[in-house]
Protein backbone atom coordinates (compact mmCIF):
# COMPACT_ATOMS: atom_id res chain seq x y z
CA MET A 1 -35.85 5.58 1.48
CA VAL A 2 -32.80 7.06 3.18
CA GLY A 3 -32.07 9.17 0.10
CA ARG A 4 -35.24 11.07 0.62
CA LYS A 5 -34.48 11.82 4.19
CA ILE A 6 -31.19 13.77 3.58
CA VAL A 7 -32.84 15.46 0.23
CA ALA A 8 -36.06 16.59 2.16
CA GLU A 9 -34.59 17.40 5.69
CA SER A 10 -30.70 18.63 5.02
CA PHE A 11 -30.99 21.27 2.40
CA LEU A 12 -34.52 22.98 2.35
CA ALA A 13 -34.34 26.26 0.37
CA ALA A 14 -33.63 29.15 2.74
CA HIS A 15 -36.53 31.21 1.12
CA PRO A 16 -39.86 29.98 0.18
CA ALA A 17 -39.70 31.33 -3.18
CA LYS A 18 -36.76 29.44 -4.17
CA ARG A 19 -38.51 26.20 -2.99
CA TRP A 20 -38.80 24.90 -6.65
CA VAL A 21 -35.05 24.36 -6.74
CA HIS A 22 -35.41 21.92 -3.70
CA ASP A 23 -38.28 20.47 -5.11
CA ARG A 24 -37.05 19.73 -8.44
CA THR A 25 -33.71 18.24 -6.87
CA VAL A 26 -35.84 15.77 -4.69
CA GLU A 27 -37.51 14.82 -8.00
CA LEU A 28 -34.37 14.29 -9.85
CA LEU A 29 -32.34 12.51 -6.96
CA THR A 30 -35.21 10.33 -5.58
CA SER A 31 -36.41 9.20 -9.14
CA GLU A 32 -36.19 5.28 -9.66
CA THR A 33 -32.95 5.88 -11.65
CA VAL A 34 -30.18 7.73 -9.86
CA VAL A 35 -29.63 10.94 -11.89
CA PRO A 36 -27.01 11.14 -13.57
CA ALA A 37 -27.24 7.44 -14.21
CA PHE A 38 -23.82 5.89 -13.14
CA SER A 39 -23.49 2.29 -14.35
CA ALA A 40 -23.88 -0.55 -12.11
CA VAL A 41 -20.19 -1.25 -12.19
CA VAL A 42 -19.39 2.40 -11.31
CA THR A 43 -21.92 2.36 -8.28
CA LYS A 44 -20.54 -0.64 -6.93
CA LEU A 45 -17.10 0.81 -7.13
CA THR A 46 -18.24 3.75 -5.17
CA THR A 47 -19.62 1.31 -2.31
CA MET A 48 -16.38 -0.84 -2.24
CA THR A 49 -14.74 1.45 0.25
CA ARG A 50 -17.55 -0.07 2.69
CA ASP A 51 -16.06 -3.47 2.43
CA GLU A 52 -12.75 -4.29 3.61
CA SER A 53 -12.84 -7.82 2.20
CA ILE A 54 -12.26 -6.69 -1.29
CA ASP A 55 -9.40 -8.23 -2.95
CA LEU A 56 -7.65 -8.07 -6.34
CA ASP A 57 -9.67 -10.47 -7.89
CA ASP A 58 -12.81 -9.05 -6.68
CA PHE A 59 -11.98 -5.94 -8.17
CA ALA A 60 -10.56 -7.42 -11.52
CA ASP A 61 -13.97 -9.15 -11.95
CA LEU A 62 -15.98 -6.12 -11.00
CA VAL A 63 -14.15 -3.72 -13.77
CA ALA A 64 -14.07 -6.52 -16.24
CA LEU A 65 -18.00 -6.22 -16.24
CA ASP A 66 -17.77 -2.89 -17.82
CA GLN A 67 -15.74 -3.00 -21.15
CA GLY A 68 -15.80 0.70 -21.60
CA LEU A 69 -14.65 1.31 -18.02
CA SER A 70 -12.05 -1.40 -18.36
CA THR A 71 -10.45 -0.21 -21.68
CA ARG A 72 -10.09 3.53 -20.09
CA CYS A 73 -8.52 2.02 -17.02
CA LEU A 74 -6.05 0.02 -18.99
CA ARG A 75 -5.21 3.17 -21.18
CA ALA A 76 -4.53 5.08 -17.99
CA ALA A 77 -2.27 2.55 -16.47
CA ASN A 78 -0.53 2.31 -19.61
CA ALA A 79 0.38 6.03 -19.74
CA PRO A 80 3.87 7.40 -19.81
CA SER A 81 3.54 8.91 -16.37
CA ARG A 82 3.09 5.57 -14.88
CA GLY A 83 5.98 4.02 -16.80
CA GLY A 84 4.19 3.26 -20.17
CA GLN A 85 4.38 -0.41 -19.50
CA ALA A 86 2.54 -2.65 -21.83
CA ILE A 87 -0.28 -3.81 -19.73
CA SER A 88 -2.95 -6.09 -21.31
CA ASN A 89 -5.44 -6.83 -18.49
CA ILE A 90 -6.64 -5.43 -15.26
CA GLN A 91 -5.21 -8.34 -13.40
CA GLU A 92 -1.87 -7.30 -14.83
CA ALA A 93 -2.35 -3.69 -14.05
CA LEU A 94 -3.19 -4.56 -10.42
CA PHE A 95 0.00 -6.57 -10.06
CA LEU A 96 2.07 -3.81 -11.49
CA ILE A 97 0.41 -0.64 -10.14
CA GLY A 98 -1.57 -1.79 -7.14
CA LEU A 99 -5.12 -1.96 -5.90
CA LYS A 100 -5.04 1.62 -4.37
CA GLU A 101 -3.93 3.21 -7.76
CA MET A 102 -6.17 1.05 -9.92
CA ARG A 103 -9.16 2.17 -7.59
CA ARG A 104 -8.22 5.62 -8.07
CA ILE A 105 -8.12 5.27 -11.82
CA ALA A 106 -11.44 3.44 -11.96
CA LEU A 107 -13.21 5.90 -9.53
CA THR A 108 -11.85 8.76 -11.57
CA VAL A 109 -12.71 7.48 -14.81
CA GLY A 110 -16.11 6.42 -13.80
CA VAL A 111 -17.17 9.92 -12.45
CA MET A 112 -15.58 11.95 -15.13
CA ASP A 113 -17.20 9.90 -17.93
CA ASN A 114 -20.61 10.24 -16.24
CA PHE A 115 -20.47 13.74 -16.92
CA ASN A 116 -18.99 14.28 -20.16
CA HIS A 117 -21.86 16.37 -21.80
CA LEU A 118 -21.06 19.77 -19.90
CA ARG A 119 -22.63 22.82 -21.88
CA ILE A 120 -21.46 25.97 -20.03
CA LYS A 121 -18.40 27.25 -21.20
CA ILE A 122 -15.92 27.35 -18.22
CA ASN A 123 -12.71 25.57 -18.01
CA TRP A 124 -13.88 22.00 -17.11
CA ARG A 125 -10.61 20.62 -17.14
CA LYS A 126 -9.51 22.73 -14.13
CA PHE A 127 -12.66 21.69 -12.52
CA TRP A 128 -11.56 18.15 -12.88
CA LEU A 129 -7.97 18.93 -11.92
CA HIS A 130 -9.27 20.69 -8.92
CA SER A 131 -11.44 17.61 -7.97
CA VAL A 132 -8.45 14.88 -8.35
CA LEU A 133 -5.90 17.44 -6.66
CA VAL A 134 -8.53 17.89 -3.65
CA ALA A 135 -8.92 14.02 -3.82
CA ARG A 136 -5.08 13.24 -3.66
CA LEU A 137 -4.62 15.85 -1.03
CA THR A 138 -7.44 14.45 1.20
CA ASP A 139 -6.07 11.12 0.95
CA LYS A 140 -2.68 12.36 1.88
CA LEU A 141 -4.07 14.55 4.96
CA ALA A 142 -6.18 11.77 6.25
CA GLY A 143 -3.16 9.39 6.16
CA ALA A 144 -1.38 11.66 8.60
CA PHE A 145 -3.59 10.65 10.87
CA ARG A 146 -4.92 7.39 10.39
CA GLU A 147 -4.91 4.42 7.95
CA VAL A 148 -6.70 5.30 4.86
CA ASN A 149 -9.11 2.84 2.61
CA GLY A 150 -10.17 4.47 -0.29
CA MET A 151 -13.11 6.43 1.27
CA GLU A 152 -10.84 9.40 1.49
CA TYR A 153 -10.06 9.55 -2.14
CA LEU A 154 -13.58 9.37 -3.17
CA ALA A 155 -15.03 11.87 -0.71
CA GLY A 156 -12.21 14.52 -2.16
CA LEU A 157 -13.21 13.68 -5.54
CA MET A 158 -16.90 13.95 -5.10
CA HIS A 159 -16.77 17.01 -2.95
CA ASP A 160 -17.91 19.50 -5.57
CA ILE A 161 -20.06 16.82 -7.71
CA GLY A 162 -23.07 19.06 -6.80
CA LYS A 163 -21.96 21.60 -9.18
CA LEU A 164 -22.25 19.58 -12.10
CA ILE A 165 -25.86 18.69 -11.05
CA LEU A 166 -26.44 22.49 -11.22
CA GLU A 167 -24.81 22.81 -14.43
CA HIS A 168 -26.79 19.97 -15.97
CA TYR A 169 -30.52 20.50 -14.46
CA PHE A 170 -30.01 24.16 -13.62
CA PRO A 171 -27.94 25.82 -16.46
CA ARG A 172 -29.44 29.28 -16.40
CA GLU A 173 -28.91 29.52 -12.55
CA PHE A 174 -25.47 28.03 -12.88
CA GLU A 175 -24.18 30.67 -15.11
CA ALA A 176 -25.55 33.33 -13.02
CA ILE A 177 -23.68 31.61 -9.85
CA VAL A 178 -20.49 31.62 -11.79
CA LEU A 179 -20.95 35.37 -12.84
CA ARG A 180 -21.91 36.43 -9.33
CA SER A 181 -19.10 34.47 -7.66
CA MET A 182 -16.43 36.17 -10.09
CA GLU A 183 -17.91 39.61 -9.63
CA ARG A 184 -18.23 39.59 -5.89
CA ARG A 185 -14.99 37.40 -5.44
CA CYS A 186 -17.20 35.12 -3.30
CA GLY A 187 -17.16 31.30 -3.24
CA HIS A 188 -19.79 29.51 -5.31
CA ALA A 189 -21.64 28.22 -2.08
CA THR A 190 -22.15 32.13 -1.30
CA ALA A 191 -23.59 32.74 -4.52
CA GLU A 192 -25.71 29.45 -4.64
CA PHE A 193 -27.39 30.32 -1.58
CA ASP A 194 -28.08 33.76 -2.46
CA LEU A 195 -29.75 32.74 -5.85
CA LEU A 196 -30.94 29.25 -5.10
CA GLY A 197 -31.33 28.93 -1.40
CA LEU A 198 -29.10 25.79 -1.05
CA ASP A 199 -25.60 25.07 -2.33
CA HIS A 200 -23.61 22.15 -4.05
CA ALA A 201 -22.57 20.77 -0.94
CA CYS A 202 -25.83 19.78 -0.05
CA ILE A 203 -26.92 18.51 -3.43
CA GLY A 204 -23.71 16.66 -3.82
CA ALA A 205 -24.32 14.93 -0.61
CA ALA A 206 -27.62 13.78 -1.58
CA LEU A 207 -26.23 12.28 -4.75
CA CYS A 208 -23.63 10.49 -2.65
CA GLN A 209 -26.34 8.82 -0.60
CA THR A 210 -28.26 7.77 -3.56
CA LEU A 211 -24.76 5.89 -4.59
CA HIS A 212 -24.82 4.32 -1.28
CA VAL A 213 -21.52 5.37 -0.37
CA HIS A 214 -20.34 5.38 3.35
CA PRO A 215 -22.24 7.67 5.22
CA HIS A 216 -18.98 9.61 6.35
CA ILE A 217 -18.44 10.43 2.78
CA VAL A 218 -21.96 11.79 2.54
CA HIS A 219 -21.58 13.95 5.55
CA ALA A 220 -18.02 14.99 4.66
CA VAL A 221 -19.49 16.34 1.35
CA GLN A 222 -22.19 18.06 2.87
CA PHE A 223 -20.11 20.03 5.55
CA HIS A 224 -16.92 20.31 3.64
CA HIS A 225 -17.43 24.13 3.68
CA GLN A 226 -18.73 23.96 7.54
CA PRO A 227 -16.52 21.10 8.80
CA ILE A 228 -16.63 21.83 12.36
CA HIS A 229 -20.10 22.98 12.38
CA PRO A 230 -21.49 21.51 15.66
CA ALA A 231 -24.49 19.76 13.90
CA HIS A 232 -21.70 17.71 12.16
CA THR A 233 -18.94 17.23 14.74
CA GLY A 234 -21.47 16.36 17.35
CA ASN A 235 -23.17 13.75 15.31
CA PRO A 236 -22.84 10.11 16.99
CA GLU A 237 -23.18 8.74 13.91
CA GLY A 238 -20.26 10.67 12.18
CA ASP A 239 -16.60 10.84 12.41
CA GLY A 240 -16.28 13.98 14.37
CA GLY A 241 -15.64 16.10 11.33
CA PHE A 242 -12.46 14.43 10.55
CA LEU A 243 -13.06 13.69 6.78
CA SER A 244 -14.73 16.98 6.02
CA ALA A 245 -12.02 18.70 7.71
CA CYS A 246 -9.37 17.08 5.53
CA ILE A 247 -11.57 17.79 2.49
CA SER A 248 -11.71 21.62 3.75
CA VAL A 249 -7.84 21.87 4.32
CA ALA A 250 -7.23 20.10 0.73
CA ASP A 251 -9.72 22.62 -0.93
CA PHE A 252 -7.71 25.43 0.73
CA LEU A 253 -4.69 24.12 -0.72
CA ALA A 254 -5.75 23.86 -4.28
CA ASN A 255 -7.37 27.32 -4.15
CA LEU A 256 -4.24 28.45 -2.79
CA ARG A 257 -2.63 27.64 -6.18
CA GLU A 258 -5.66 29.09 -8.23
CA ILE A 259 -6.67 25.55 -9.22
CA ASN A 260 -10.27 26.06 -9.64
CA ILE A 261 -12.90 27.35 -11.73
CA GLY A 262 -12.95 30.79 -10.29
CA GLY A 263 -15.01 32.65 -8.24
CA GLN A 264 -13.10 31.75 -5.04
CA LYS A 265 -13.16 34.16 -2.13
CA GLU A 266 -9.69 36.14 -1.31
CA LEU A 267 -7.44 33.70 0.84
CA ALA A 268 -6.60 35.46 3.96
CA TYR A 269 -4.95 32.62 6.12
CA LYS A 270 -2.10 30.45 6.23
CA LEU A 271 -2.45 26.86 6.50
CA GLU A 272 -1.62 27.12 10.44
CA ASP A 273 -4.58 29.82 10.82
CA LEU A 274 -7.15 27.70 9.33
CA PRO A 275 -9.72 26.34 12.11
CA GLU A 276 -10.12 23.03 10.40
CA TRP A 277 -6.51 22.55 10.47
CA ASN A 278 -6.19 23.30 14.07
CA TYR A 279 -9.11 21.20 14.75
CA LEU A 280 -7.51 18.16 13.15
CA THR A 281 -4.20 18.59 15.21
CA GLU A 282 -6.03 19.23 18.35
CA PHE A 283 -8.43 16.41 18.26
CA PHE A 284 -6.72 13.80 16.29
CA ASP A 285 -3.48 12.21 16.74
CA CYS A 286 -1.07 13.42 14.05
CA ARG A 287 1.36 11.01 12.88
CA GLY A 288 3.34 13.26 10.79
CA LEU A 289 2.64 15.14 7.41
CA ALA A 290 5.05 15.08 4.49
CA LEU A 291 3.20 16.75 1.88
CA ASP A 292 4.95 18.43 -1.40
CA LEU A 293 2.02 20.57 -3.19
CA ASP A 294 3.97 20.89 -6.20
CA GLU A 295 4.54 17.37 -6.46
CA GLU A 296 0.83 16.67 -5.83
CA ILE A 297 -0.28 19.10 -8.57
CA GLU A 298 2.17 17.43 -11.07
CA LEU A 299 0.71 14.00 -10.15
CA ALA A 300 -3.05 15.32 -10.56
CA GLU A 301 -2.09 16.88 -13.86
CA GLN A 302 -0.48 13.44 -14.95
CA GLU A 303 -3.79 11.72 -13.78
CA ILE A 304 -5.94 13.98 -15.90
CA SER A 305 -3.91 13.53 -18.69
CA SER A 306 -3.91 9.84 -18.59
CA ILE A 307 -7.67 9.75 -18.54
CA THR A 308 -8.78 12.49 -20.94
């Protein structure tokens, strides 16, 4: 099983005393049922980015199989921020809004609905705002270098998904991580390594692989804190670190506006000083980037409001 390989080899606990976290994560993510249990339709949605032949009818037929998802998508499509049109079915929504926007809505709804029983009392709305904003920015940044196909948005949306696995299955440790990261002004990943011997990026990558998303998404999630690590950029089966670098830059921009759940390290760089941004512009052909961060934040806010 491919998922077992990533779980077993890519995020072994750094210290033998913390091996139990790794072993428990392996047990959860390689069980017969993917944990958390995404619906068959949502799972299929996450793999659609691998199939360039998907058309409007394919998408409409798939979403229609999940009545709850279909209803939520229509409610979001009818939101005032999207014109408040009286859209009555998915086919009509696709015609008026377009496949790209409906795919974004469906993916966001599907992922958010699967994590709606969060117990630790922190600002989860801000977590989702961060995730949606990073997804939008990742898509925008990637589009400055190449044609995008939905893979970019999904990778940005899923980049911090490992934090939700930690919250759900390791609640005491997650609380300690949040507290330590805030006290020490360090990122969650640093606190996670200190306390657990692994981090949310590795766990998130393993979850992505159990969902059978494109391998580039798996590796981008796994390396979004180390986008130009030689083990990543030199992987002959990867994308040269392109997608992870886009996520990392998007994450920086979101944190720059303090759109996160706290515990981020102090930002000491301008965008032009980020190694991953310079890596993108040096090794990939930039077609031009027009980015209005305030507008993207507003659009992400509207997207969250239309869904929740």
